[in-house]
Amino acid sequence: MTYLWLSLAFLGVSVVLLAAAVRAAPNPRAVLTRWWRPVACAGGVLIILTAVFDNVMIHAGLMAYAQSTLSGLAVGLAPVEDFAYPIAGLILLPALWHLFGRRGKDDR
């Protein structure tokens, strides 16, 4: 299995859980309206941090990848597959919050 397929699996599960959370919400439009800006801002920060620190760690020799398992696309030294995990976490956390978290007055 390549890193790309593994990354797509994580992203797919995250998107499915987000769709379930939005669908289960009493007011799905309010959920999307309320959360898209903070999630987008956090996503931008996560992508920048991932790019910087992955490149530093790979350059320092702390991690290495078998070239046969990578797609070949990279941001500096960091393979694009490395960006899927923070993005999946960013999608997954609000989804799980809405599915299992404490309900606020906006979500009732």
PDB file of N, CA and C in Angstrom:
ATOM      1  N   MET A   1       0.851  -1.182   0.000  1.00  0.00           N
ATOM      2  CA  MET A   1       0.000   0.000   0.000  1.00  0.00           C
ATOM      3  C   MET A   1       0.896   1.244   0.000  1.00  0.00           C
ATOM      4  N   THR A   2       0.568   2.194  -0.818  1.00  0.00           N
ATOM      5  CA  THR A   2       1.356   3.421  -0.864  1.00  0.00           C
ATOM      6  C   THR A   2       0.823   4.421   0.147  1.00  0.00           C
ATOM      7  N   TYR A   3       1.660   5.411   0.449  1.00  0.00           N
ATOM      8  CA  TYR A   3       1.244   6.464   1.373  1.00  0.00           C
ATOM      9  C   TYR A   3       0.042   7.241   0.833  1.00  0.00           C
ATOM     10  N   LEU A   4      -0.043   7.378  -0.491  1.00  0.00           N
ATOM     11  CA  LEU A   4      -1.164   8.105  -1.082  1.00  0.00           C
ATOM     12  C   LEU A   4      -2.486   7.412  -0.771  1.00  0.00           C
ATOM     13  N   TRP A   5      -2.560   6.094  -0.930  1.00  0.00           N
ATOM     14  CA  TRP A   5      -3.801   5.371  -0.644  1.00  0.00           C
ATOM     15  C   TRP A   5      -4.143   5.408   0.840  1.00  0.00           C
ATOM     16  N   LEU A   6      -3.137   5.314   1.676  1.00  0.00           N
ATOM     17  CA  LEU A   6      -3.351   5.398   3.119  1.00  0.00           C
ATOM     18  C   LEU A   6      -3.876   6.786   3.496  1.00  0.00           C
ATOM     19  N   SER A   7      -3.304   7.811   2.902  1.00  0.00           N
ATOM     20  CA  SER A   7      -3.755   9.182   3.148  1.00  0.00           C
ATOM     21  C   SER A   7      -5.186   9.388   2.678  1.00  0.00           C
ATOM     22  N   LEU A   8      -5.499   8.871   1.509  1.00  0.00           N
ATOM     23  CA  LEU A   8      -6.868   9.005   0.989  1.00  0.00           C
ATOM     24  C   LEU A   8      -7.871   8.271   1.869  1.00  0.00           C
ATOM     25  N   ALA A   9      -7.464   7.148   2.442  1.00  0.00           N
ATOM     26  CA  ALA A   9      -8.349   6.422   3.353  1.00  0.00           C
ATOM     27  C   ALA A   9      -8.653   7.264   4.593  1.00  0.00           C
ATOM     28  N   PHE A  10      -7.629   7.873   5.184  1.00  0.00           N
ATOM     29  CA  PHE A  10      -7.843   8.738   6.347  1.00  0.00           C
ATOM     30  C   PHE A  10      -8.735   9.925   5.995  1.00  0.00           C
ATOM     31  N   LEU A  11      -8.481  10.546   4.859  1.00  0.00           N
ATOM     32  CA  LEU A  11      -9.306  11.683   4.431  1.00  0.00           C
ATOM     33  C   LEU A  11     -10.742  11.244   4.176  1.00  0.00           C
ATOM     34  N   GLY A  12     -10.917  10.091   3.556  1.00  0.00           N
ATOM     35  CA  GLY A  12     -12.260   9.592   3.268  1.00  0.00           C
ATOM     36  C   GLY A  12     -13.070   9.345   4.532  1.00  0.00           C
ATOM     37  N   VAL A  13     -12.460   8.703   5.514  1.00  0.00           N
ATOM     38  CA  VAL A  13     -13.144   8.452   6.790  1.00  0.00           C
ATOM     39  C   VAL A  13     -13.515   9.773   7.456  1.00  0.00           C
ATOM     40  N   SER A  14     -12.616  10.733   7.413  1.00  0.00           N
ATOM     41  CA  SER A  14     -12.878  12.036   8.028  1.00  0.00           C
ATOM     42  C   SER A  14     -14.046  12.750   7.355  1.00  0.00           C
ATOM     43  N   VAL A  15     -14.072  12.722   6.041  1.00  0.00           N
ATOM     44  CA  VAL A  15     -15.153  13.384   5.301  1.00  0.00           C
ATOM     45  C   VAL A  15     -16.490  12.695   5.554  1.00  0.00           C
ATOM     46  N   VAL A  16     -16.483  11.369   5.615  1.00  0.00           N
ATOM     47  CA  VAL A  16     -17.726  10.638   5.892  1.00  0.00           C
ATOM     48  C   VAL A  16     -18.249  10.983   7.285  1.00  0.00           C
ATOM     49  N   LEU A  17     -17.377  11.046   8.268  1.00  0.00           N
ATOM     50  CA  LEU A  17     -17.816  11.404   9.623  1.00  0.00           C
ATOM     51  C   LEU A  17     -18.287  12.856   9.691  1.00  0.00           C
ATOM     52  N   LEU A  18     -17.640  13.747   8.946  1.00  0.00           N
ATOM     53  CA  LEU A  18     -18.109  15.133   8.902  1.00  0.00           C
ATOM     54  C   LEU A  18     -19.497  15.211   8.277  1.00  0.00           C
ATOM     55  N   ALA A  19     -19.711  14.478   7.207  1.00  0.00           N
ATOM     56  CA  ALA A  19     -21.036  14.462   6.574  1.00  0.00           C
ATOM     57  C   ALA A  19     -22.085  13.913   7.534  1.00  0.00           C
ATOM     58  N   ALA A  20     -21.747  12.885   8.286  1.00  0.00           N
ATOM     59  CA  ALA A  20     -22.681  12.328   9.272  1.00  0.00           C
ATOM     60  C   ALA A  20     -22.980  13.336  10.368  1.00  0.00           C
ATOM     61  N   ALA A  21     -21.971  14.075  10.807  1.00  0.00           N
ATOM     62  CA  ALA A  21     -22.174  15.072  11.861  1.00  0.00           C
ATOM     63  C   ALA A  21     -23.058  16.207  11.378  1.00  0.00           C
ATOM     64  N   VAL A  22     -22.822  16.661  10.171  1.00  0.00           N
ATOM     65  CA  VAL A  22     -23.644  17.748   9.622  1.00  0.00           C
ATOM     66  C   VAL A  22     -25.072  17.263   9.430  1.00  0.00           C
ATOM     67  N   ARG A  23     -25.214  16.065   8.924  1.00  0.00           N
ATOM     68  CA  ARG A  23     -26.558  15.527   8.688  1.00  0.00           C
ATOM     69  C   ARG A  23     -27.319  15.312   9.999  1.00  0.00           C
ATOM     70  N   ALA A  24     -26.607  14.935  11.067  1.00  0.00           N
ATOM     71  CA  ALA A  24     -27.251  14.663  12.355  1.00  0.00           C
ATOM     72  C   ALA A  24     -27.593  15.942  13.115  1.00  0.00           C
ATOM     73  N   ALA A  25     -27.010  17.050  12.732  1.00  0.00           N
ATOM     74  CA  ALA A  25     -27.260  18.307  13.442  1.00  0.00           C
ATOM     75  C   ALA A  25     -28.679  18.796  13.195  1.00  0.00           C
ATOM     76  N   PRO A  26     -29.307  19.381  14.213  1.00  0.00           N
ATOM     77  CA  PRO A  26     -30.650  19.915  14.031  1.00  0.00           C
ATOM     78  C   PRO A  26     -30.699  21.026  12.983  1.00  0.00           C
ATOM     79  N   ASN A  27     -29.637  21.807  12.898  1.00  0.00           N
ATOM     80  CA  ASN A  27     -29.560  22.883  11.924  1.00  0.00           C
ATOM     81  C   ASN A  27     -28.228  22.775  11.180  1.00  0.00           C
ATOM     82  N   PRO A  28     -28.182  21.953  10.120  1.00  0.00           N
ATOM     83  CA  PRO A  28     -26.915  21.708   9.422  1.00  0.00           C
ATOM     84  C   PRO A  28     -26.277  22.977   8.871  1.00  0.00           C
ATOM     85  N   ARG A  29     -27.078  23.883   8.377  1.00  0.00           N
ATOM     86  CA  ARG A  29     -26.531  25.132   7.819  1.00  0.00           C
ATOM     87  C   ARG A  29     -25.804  25.942   8.894  1.00  0.00           C
ATOM     88  N   ALA A  30     -26.353  25.950  10.108  1.00  0.00           N
ATOM     89  CA  ALA A  30     -25.717  26.680  11.208  1.00  0.00           C
ATOM     90  C   ALA A  30     -24.376  26.054  11.572  1.00  0.00           C
ATOM     91  N   VAL A  31     -24.297  24.732  11.513  1.00  0.00           N
ATOM     92  CA  VAL A  31     -23.042  24.050  11.819  1.00  0.00           C
ATOM     93  C   VAL A  31     -21.970  24.464  10.819  1.00  0.00           C
ATOM     94  N   LEU A  32     -22.312  24.419   9.546  1.00  0.00           N
ATOM     95  CA  LEU A  32     -21.333  24.777   8.521  1.00  0.00           C
ATOM     96  C   LEU A  32     -20.962  26.255   8.589  1.00  0.00           C
ATOM     97  N   THR A  33     -21.932  27.107   8.827  1.00  0.00           N
ATOM     98  CA  THR A  33     -21.672  28.543   8.916  1.00  0.00           C
ATOM     99  C   THR A  33     -20.790  28.869  10.113  1.00  0.00           C
ATOM    100  N   ARG A  34     -21.036  28.196  11.207  1.00  0.00           N
ATOM    101  CA  ARG A  34     -20.311  28.478  12.441  1.00  0.00           C
ATOM    102  C   ARG A  34     -18.862  28.000  12.402  1.00  0.00           C
ATOM    103  N   TRP A  35     -18.592  26.884  11.727  1.00  0.00           N
ATOM    104  CA  TRP A  35     -17.286  26.257  11.831  1.00  0.00           C
ATOM    105  C   TRP A  35     -16.351  26.463  10.654  1.00  0.00           C
ATOM    106  N   TRP A  36     -16.809  26.914   9.499  1.00  0.00           N
ATOM    107  CA  TRP A  36     -15.930  26.916   8.338  1.00  0.00           C
ATOM    108  C   TRP A  36     -14.772  27.899   8.481  1.00  0.00           C
ATOM    109  N   ARG A  37     -14.988  29.067   9.069  1.00  0.00           N
ATOM    110  CA  ARG A  37     -13.891  30.046   9.192  1.00  0.00           C
ATOM    111  C   ARG A  37     -12.790  29.568  10.144  1.00  0.00           C
ATOM    112  N   PRO A  38     -13.125  29.138  11.372  1.00  0.00           N
ATOM    113  CA  PRO A  38     -12.042  28.655  12.242  1.00  0.00           C
ATOM    114  C   PRO A  38     -11.305  27.446  11.670  1.00  0.00           C
ATOM    115  N   VAL A  39     -12.034  26.556  11.021  1.00  0.00           N
ATOM    116  CA  VAL A  39     -11.397  25.376  10.442  1.00  0.00           C
ATOM    117  C   VAL A  39     -10.490  25.788   9.285  1.00  0.00           C
ATOM    118  N   ALA A  40     -10.914  26.730   8.465  1.00  0.00           N
ATOM    119  CA  ALA A  40     -10.082  27.206   7.355  1.00  0.00           C
ATOM    120  C   ALA A  40      -8.812  27.897   7.873  1.00  0.00           C
ATOM    121  N   CYS A  41      -8.947  28.712   8.898  1.00  0.00           N
ATOM    122  CA  CYS A  41      -7.773  29.386   9.481  1.00  0.00           C
ATOM    123  C   CYS A  41      -6.807  28.371  10.081  1.00  0.00           C
ATOM    124  N   ALA A  42      -7.334  27.428  10.837  1.00  0.00           N
ATOM    125  CA  ALA A  42      -6.486  26.384  11.419  1.00  0.00           C
ATOM    126  C   ALA A  42      -5.835  25.553  10.316  1.00  0.00           C
ATOM    127  N   GLY A  43      -6.558  25.302   9.244  1.00  0.00           N
ATOM    128  CA  GLY A  43      -6.003  24.544   8.126  1.00  0.00           C
ATOM    129  C   GLY A  43      -4.826  25.242   7.486  1.00  0.00           C
ATOM    130  N   GLY A  44      -4.940  26.543   7.301  1.00  0.00           N
ATOM    131  CA  GLY A  44      -3.826  27.301   6.744  1.00  0.00           C
ATOM    132  C   GLY A  44      -2.591  27.228   7.629  1.00  0.00           C
ATOM    133  N   VAL A  45      -2.803  27.388   8.929  1.00  0.00           N
ATOM    134  CA  VAL A  45      -1.686  27.315   9.874  1.00  0.00           C
ATOM    135  C   VAL A  45      -1.085  25.909   9.874  1.00  0.00           C
ATOM    136  N   LEU A  46      -1.924  24.878   9.881  1.00  0.00           N
ATOM    137  CA  LEU A  46      -1.418  23.499   9.884  1.00  0.00           C
ATOM    138  C   LEU A  46      -0.620  23.166   8.628  1.00  0.00           C
ATOM    139  N   ILE A  47      -1.069  23.649   7.499  1.00  0.00           N
ATOM    140  CA  ILE A  47      -0.353  23.371   6.251  1.00  0.00           C
ATOM    141  C   ILE A  47       1.022  24.036   6.266  1.00  0.00           C
ATOM    142  N   ILE A  48       1.065  25.288   6.730  1.00  0.00           N
ATOM    143  CA  ILE A  48       2.360  25.987   6.816  1.00  0.00           C
ATOM    144  C   ILE A  48       3.294  25.284   7.801  1.00  0.00           C
ATOM    145  N   LEU A  49       2.771  24.951   8.985  1.00  0.00           N
ATOM    146  CA  LEU A  49       3.610  24.266   9.983  1.00  0.00           C
ATOM    147  C   LEU A  49       4.073  22.898   9.499  1.00  0.00           C
ATOM    148  N   THR A  50       3.192  22.170   8.831  1.00  0.00           N
ATOM    149  CA  THR A  50       3.568  20.864   8.297  1.00  0.00           C
ATOM    150  C   THR A  50       4.668  21.017   7.257  1.00  0.00           C
ATOM    151  N   ALA A  51       4.528  21.991   6.371  1.00  0.00           N
ATOM    152  CA  ALA A  51       5.548  22.208   5.341  1.00  0.00           C
ATOM    153  C   ALA A  51       6.889  22.544   5.971  1.00  0.00           C
ATOM    154  N   VAL A  52       6.898  23.441   6.932  1.00  0.00           N
ATOM    155  CA  VAL A  52       8.156  23.871   7.553  1.00  0.00           C
ATOM    156  C   VAL A  52       8.798  22.726   8.332  1.00  0.00           C
ATOM    157  N   PHE A  53       8.056  22.137   9.252  1.00  0.00           N
ATOM    158  CA  PHE A  53       8.662  21.155  10.139  1.00  0.00           C
ATOM    159  C   PHE A  53       8.929  19.814   9.462  1.00  0.00           C
ATOM    160  N   ASP A  54       8.122  19.409   8.509  1.00  0.00           N
ATOM    161  CA  ASP A  54       8.441  18.183   7.772  1.00  0.00           C
ATOM    162  C   ASP A  54       9.738  18.358   6.998  1.00  0.00           C
ATOM    163  N   ASN A  55       9.900  19.512   6.355  1.00  0.00           N
ATOM    164  CA  ASN A  55      11.136  19.759   5.619  1.00  0.00           C
ATOM    165  C   ASN A  55      12.349  19.768   6.547  1.00  0.00           C
ATOM    166  N   VAL A  56      12.211  20.377   7.712  1.00  0.00           N
ATOM    167  CA  VAL A  56      13.317  20.418   8.672  1.00  0.00           C
ATOM    168  C   VAL A  56      13.654  19.002   9.143  1.00  0.00           C
ATOM    169  N   MET A  57      12.641  18.216   9.490  1.00  0.00           N
ATOM    170  CA  MET A  57      12.892  16.861   9.993  1.00  0.00           C
ATOM    171  C   MET A  57      13.482  15.943   8.920  1.00  0.00           C
ATOM    172  N   ILE A  58      13.002  16.079   7.697  1.00  0.00           N
ATOM    173  CA  ILE A  58      13.545  15.242   6.615  1.00  0.00           C
ATOM    174  C   ILE A  58      14.978  15.663   6.309  1.00  0.00           C
ATOM    175  N   HIS A  59      15.219  16.957   6.270  1.00  0.00           N
ATOM    176  CA  HIS A  59      16.583  17.450   6.003  1.00  0.00           C
ATOM    177  C   HIS A  59      17.560  17.017   7.103  1.00  0.00           C
ATOM    178  N   ALA A  60      17.095  16.989   8.341  1.00  0.00           N
ATOM    179  CA  ALA A  60      17.937  16.581   9.461  1.00  0.00           C
ATOM    180  C   ALA A  60      18.140  15.066   9.511  1.00  0.00           C
ATOM    181  N   GLY A  61      17.403  14.318   8.694  1.00  0.00           N
ATOM    182  CA  GLY A  61      17.554  12.869   8.667  1.00  0.00           C
ATOM    183  C   GLY A  61      16.742  12.143   9.726  1.00  0.00           C
ATOM    184  N   LEU A  62      15.791  12.829  10.339  1.00  0.00           N
ATOM    185  CA  LEU A  62      14.970  12.182  11.363  1.00  0.00           C
ATOM    186  C   LEU A  62      13.955  11.217  10.777  1.00  0.00           C
ATOM    187  N   MET A  63      13.604  11.415   9.521  1.00  0.00           N
ATOM    188  CA  MET A  63      12.682  10.496   8.856  1.00  0.00           C
ATOM    189  C   MET A  63      13.063  10.380   7.391  1.00  0.00           C
ATOM    190  N   ALA A  64      12.722   9.235   6.839  1.00  0.00           N
ATOM    191  CA  ALA A  64      13.001   8.965   5.434  1.00  0.00           C
ATOM    192  C   ALA A  64      11.866   8.107   4.893  1.00  0.00           C
ATOM    193  N   TYR A  65      11.672   8.160   3.610  1.00  0.00           N
ATOM    194  CA  TYR A  65      10.586   7.430   2.967  1.00  0.00           C
ATOM    195  C   TYR A  65      11.151   6.545   1.867  1.00  0.00           C
ATOM    196  N   ALA A  66      10.549   5.383   1.713  1.00  0.00           N
ATOM    197  CA  ALA A  66      10.889   4.531   0.573  1.00  0.00           C
ATOM    198  C   ALA A  66      10.276   5.183  -0.663  1.00  0.00           C
ATOM    199  N   GLN A  67      11.072   5.492  -1.646  1.00  0.00           N
ATOM    200  CA  GLN A  67      10.591   6.214  -2.823  1.00  0.00           C
ATOM    201  C   GLN A  67       9.506   5.443  -3.577  1.00  0.00           C
ATOM    202  N   SER A  68       9.501   4.135  -3.464  1.00  0.00           N
ATOM    203  CA  SER A  68       8.504   3.328  -4.177  1.00  0.00           C
ATOM    204  C   SER A  68       7.099   3.496  -3.596  1.00  0.00           C
ATOM    205  N   THR A  69       6.983   4.042  -2.382  1.00  0.00           N
ATOM    206  CA  THR A  69       5.679   4.202  -1.751  1.00  0.00           C
ATOM    207  C   THR A  69       5.144   5.625  -1.856  1.00  0.00           C
ATOM    208  N   LEU A  70       5.890   6.522  -2.484  1.00  0.00           N
ATOM    209  CA  LEU A  70       5.481   7.924  -2.593  1.00  0.00           C
ATOM    210  C   LEU A  70       4.943   8.225  -3.984  1.00  0.00           C
ATOM    211  N   SER A  71       4.123   9.269  -4.057  1.00  0.00           N
ATOM    212  CA  SER A  71       3.566   9.681  -5.350  1.00  0.00           C
ATOM    213  C   SER A  71       4.581  10.428  -6.201  1.00  0.00           C
ATOM    214  N   GLY A  72       5.602  10.980  -5.572  1.00  0.00           N
ATOM    215  CA  GLY A  72       6.602  11.745  -6.305  1.00  0.00           C
ATOM    216  C   GLY A  72       6.396  13.246  -6.207  1.00  0.00           C
ATOM    217  N   LEU A  73       5.206  13.678  -5.785  1.00  0.00           N
ATOM    218  CA  LEU A  73       4.937  15.101  -5.588  1.00  0.00           C
ATOM    219  C   LEU A  73       5.413  15.501  -4.201  1.00  0.00           C
ATOM    220  N   ALA A  74       6.068  16.664  -4.131  1.00  0.00           N
ATOM    221  CA  ALA A  74       6.607  17.091  -2.847  1.00  0.00           C
ATOM    222  C   ALA A  74       6.556  18.611  -2.735  1.00  0.00           C
ATOM    223  N   VAL A  75       6.534  19.080  -1.498  1.00  0.00           N
ATOM    224  CA  VAL A  75       6.681  20.496  -1.181  1.00  0.00           C
ATOM    225  C   VAL A  75       8.042  20.590  -0.500  1.00  0.00           C
ATOM    226  N   GLY A  76       9.031  21.030  -1.246  1.00  0.00           N
ATOM    227  CA  GLY A  76      10.397  20.964  -0.749  1.00  0.00           C
ATOM    228  C   GLY A  76      10.797  19.507  -0.666  1.00  0.00           C
ATOM    229  N   LEU A  77      11.153  19.070   0.523  1.00  0.00           N
ATOM    230  CA  LEU A  77      11.497  17.661   0.737  1.00  0.00           C
ATOM    231  C   LEU A  77      10.308  16.834   1.217  1.00  0.00           C
ATOM    232  N   ALA A  78       9.253  17.500   1.652  1.00  0.00           N
ATOM    233  CA  ALA A  78       8.099  16.812   2.248  1.00  0.00           C
ATOM    234  C   ALA A  78       7.156  16.280   1.162  1.00  0.00           C
ATOM    235  N   PRO A  79       6.856  14.996   1.197  1.00  0.00           N
ATOM    236  CA  PRO A  79       5.891  14.453   0.227  1.00  0.00           C
ATOM    237  C   PRO A  79       4.491  14.999   0.510  1.00  0.00           C
ATOM    238  N   VAL A  80       3.710  15.178  -0.539  1.00  0.00           N
ATOM    239  CA  VAL A  80       2.366  15.747  -0.354  1.00  0.00           C
ATOM    240  C   VAL A  80       1.492  14.857   0.514  1.00  0.00           C
ATOM    241  N   GLU A  81       1.810  13.576   0.580  1.00  0.00           N
ATOM    242  CA  GLU A  81       1.028  12.672   1.419  1.00  0.00           C
ATOM    243  C   GLU A  81       1.081  13.077   2.889  1.00  0.00           C
ATOM    244  N   ASP A  82       2.160  13.708   3.308  1.00  0.00           N
ATOM    245  CA  ASP A  82       2.282  14.138   4.704  1.00  0.00           C
ATOM    246  C   ASP A  82       1.252  15.201   5.083  1.00  0.00           C
ATOM    247  N   PHE A  83       0.712  15.900   4.108  1.00  0.00           N
ATOM    248  CA  PHE A  83      -0.250  16.958   4.397  1.00  0.00           C
ATOM    249  C   PHE A  83      -1.650  16.405   4.632  1.00  0.00           C
ATOM    250  N   ALA A  84      -1.893  15.168   4.258  1.00  0.00           N
ATOM    251  CA  ALA A  84      -3.229  14.584   4.412  1.00  0.00           C
ATOM    252  C   ALA A  84      -3.589  14.344   5.875  1.00  0.00           C
ATOM    253  N   TYR A  85      -2.622  13.984   6.696  1.00  0.00           N
ATOM    254  CA  TYR A  85      -2.928  13.649   8.085  1.00  0.00           C
ATOM    255  C   TYR A  85      -3.371  14.856   8.900  1.00  0.00           C
ATOM    256  N   PRO A  86      -2.692  15.986   8.823  1.00  0.00           N
ATOM    257  CA  PRO A  86      -3.206  17.145   9.558  1.00  0.00           C
ATOM    258  C   PRO A  86      -4.555  17.615   9.023  1.00  0.00           C
ATOM    259  N   ILE A  87      -4.743  17.528   7.712  1.00  0.00           N
ATOM    260  CA  ILE A  87      -6.030  17.938   7.138  1.00  0.00           C
ATOM    261  C   ILE A  87      -7.134  16.989   7.584  1.00  0.00           C
ATOM    262  N   ALA A  88      -6.844  15.685   7.607  1.00  0.00           N
ATOM    263  CA  ALA A  88      -7.838  14.719   8.082  1.00  0.00           C
ATOM    264  C   ALA A  88      -8.183  14.973   9.542  1.00  0.00           C
ATOM    265  N   GLY A  89      -7.185  15.268  10.354  1.00  0.00           N
ATOM    266  CA  GLY A  89      -7.443  15.592  11.759  1.00  0.00           C
ATOM    267  C   GLY A  89      -8.264  16.857  11.905  1.00  0.00           C
ATOM    268  N   LEU A  90      -8.000  17.811  11.048  1.00  0.00           N
ATOM    269  CA  LEU A  90      -8.736  19.072  11.070  1.00  0.00           C
ATOM    270  C   LEU A  90     -10.201  18.866  10.694  1.00  0.00           C
ATOM    271  N   ILE A  91     -10.470  17.957   9.805  1.00  0.00           N
ATOM    272  CA  ILE A  91     -11.849  17.629   9.427  1.00  0.00           C
ATOM    273  C   ILE A  91     -12.489  16.765  10.503  1.00  0.00           C
ATOM    274  N   LEU A  92     -11.723  15.835  11.031  1.00  0.00           N
ATOM    275  CA  LEU A  92     -12.249  14.856  11.979  1.00  0.00           C
ATOM    276  C   LEU A  92     -12.606  15.459  13.332  1.00  0.00           C
ATOM    277  N   LEU A  93     -11.805  16.365  13.844  1.00  0.00           N
ATOM    278  CA  LEU A  93     -12.049  16.915  15.175  1.00  0.00           C
ATOM    279  C   LEU A  93     -13.395  17.636  15.285  1.00  0.00           C
ATOM    280  N   PRO A  94     -13.735  18.564  14.390  1.00  0.00           N
ATOM    281  CA  PRO A  94     -15.068  19.178  14.494  1.00  0.00           C
ATOM    282  C   PRO A  94     -16.205  18.176  14.267  1.00  0.00           C
ATOM    283  N   ALA A  95     -15.957  17.194  13.396  1.00  0.00           N
ATOM    284  CA  ALA A  95     -16.982  16.177  13.158  1.00  0.00           C
ATOM    285  C   ALA A  95     -17.271  15.390  14.428  1.00  0.00           C
ATOM    286  N   LEU A  96     -16.224  14.947  15.100  1.00  0.00           N
ATOM    287  CA  LEU A  96     -16.413  14.202  16.345  1.00  0.00           C
ATOM    288  C   LEU A  96     -16.987  15.091  17.444  1.00  0.00           C
ATOM    289  N   TRP A  97     -16.597  16.347  17.452  1.00  0.00           N
ATOM    290  CA  TRP A  97     -17.154  17.301  18.425  1.00  0.00           C
ATOM    291  C   TRP A  97     -18.669  17.387  18.268  1.00  0.00           C
ATOM    292  N   HIS A  98     -19.119  17.484  17.030  1.00  0.00           N
ATOM    293  CA  HIS A  98     -20.561  17.588  16.788  1.00  0.00           C
ATOM    294  C   HIS A  98     -21.288  16.273  17.025  1.00  0.00           C
ATOM    295  N   LEU A  99     -20.629  15.168  16.734  1.00  0.00           N
ATOM    296  CA  LEU A  99     -21.279  13.876  16.936  1.00  0.00           C
ATOM    297  C   LEU A  99     -21.348  13.474  18.406  1.00  0.00           C
ATOM    298  N   PHE A 100     -20.267  13.725  19.159  1.00  0.00           N
ATOM    299  CA  PHE A 100     -20.189  13.204  20.518  1.00  0.00           C
ATOM    300  C   PHE A 100     -19.983  14.250  21.599  1.00  0.00           C
ATOM    301  N   GLY A 101     -19.739  15.485  21.208  1.00  0.00           N
ATOM    302  CA  GLY A 101     -19.413  16.517  22.185  1.00  0.00           C
ATOM    303  C   GLY A 101     -20.634  17.048  22.914  1.00  0.00           C
ATOM    304  N   ARG A 102     -20.341  17.888  23.897  1.00  0.00           N
ATOM    305  CA  ARG A 102     -21.398  18.532  24.659  1.00  0.00           C
ATOM    306  C   ARG A 102     -22.149  19.489  23.749  1.00  0.00           C
ATOM    307  N   ARG A 103     -23.433  19.486  23.829  1.00  0.00           N
ATOM    308  CA  ARG A 103     -24.259  20.344  22.996  1.00  0.00           C
ATOM    309  C   ARG A 103     -24.359  21.736  23.600  1.00  0.00           C
ATOM    310  N   GLY A 104     -24.060  22.728  22.796  1.00  0.00           N
ATOM    311  CA  GLY A 104     -24.250  24.123  23.219  1.00  0.00           C
ATOM    312  C   GLY A 104     -25.645  24.587  22.869  1.00  0.00           C
ATOM    313  N   LYS A 105     -25.963  25.794  23.263  1.00  0.00           N
ATOM    314  CA  LYS A 105     -27.321  26.287  23.002  1.00  0.00           C
ATOM    315  C   LYS A 105     -27.590  26.470  21.510  1.00  0.00           C
ATOM    316  N   ASP A 106     -26.522  26.677  20.681  1.00  0.00           N
ATOM    317  CA  ASP A 106     -26.719  26.816  19.231  1.00  0.00           C
ATOM    318  C   ASP A 106     -27.032  25.502  18.556  1.00  0.00           C
ATOM    319  N   ASP A 107     -26.655  24.392  19.166  1.00  0.00           N
ATOM    320  CA  ASP A 107     -26.807  23.080  18.536  1.00  0.00           C
ATOM    321  C   ASP A 107     -28.082  22.356  18.957  1.00  0.00           C
ATOM    322  N   ARG A 108     -28.823  22.893  19.876  1.00  0.00           N
ATOM    323  CA  ARG A 108     -30.028  22.180  20.359  1.00  0.00           C
ATOM    324  C   ARG A 108     -31.180  22.308  19.421  1.00  0.00           C
TER     325      ARG A 108
END
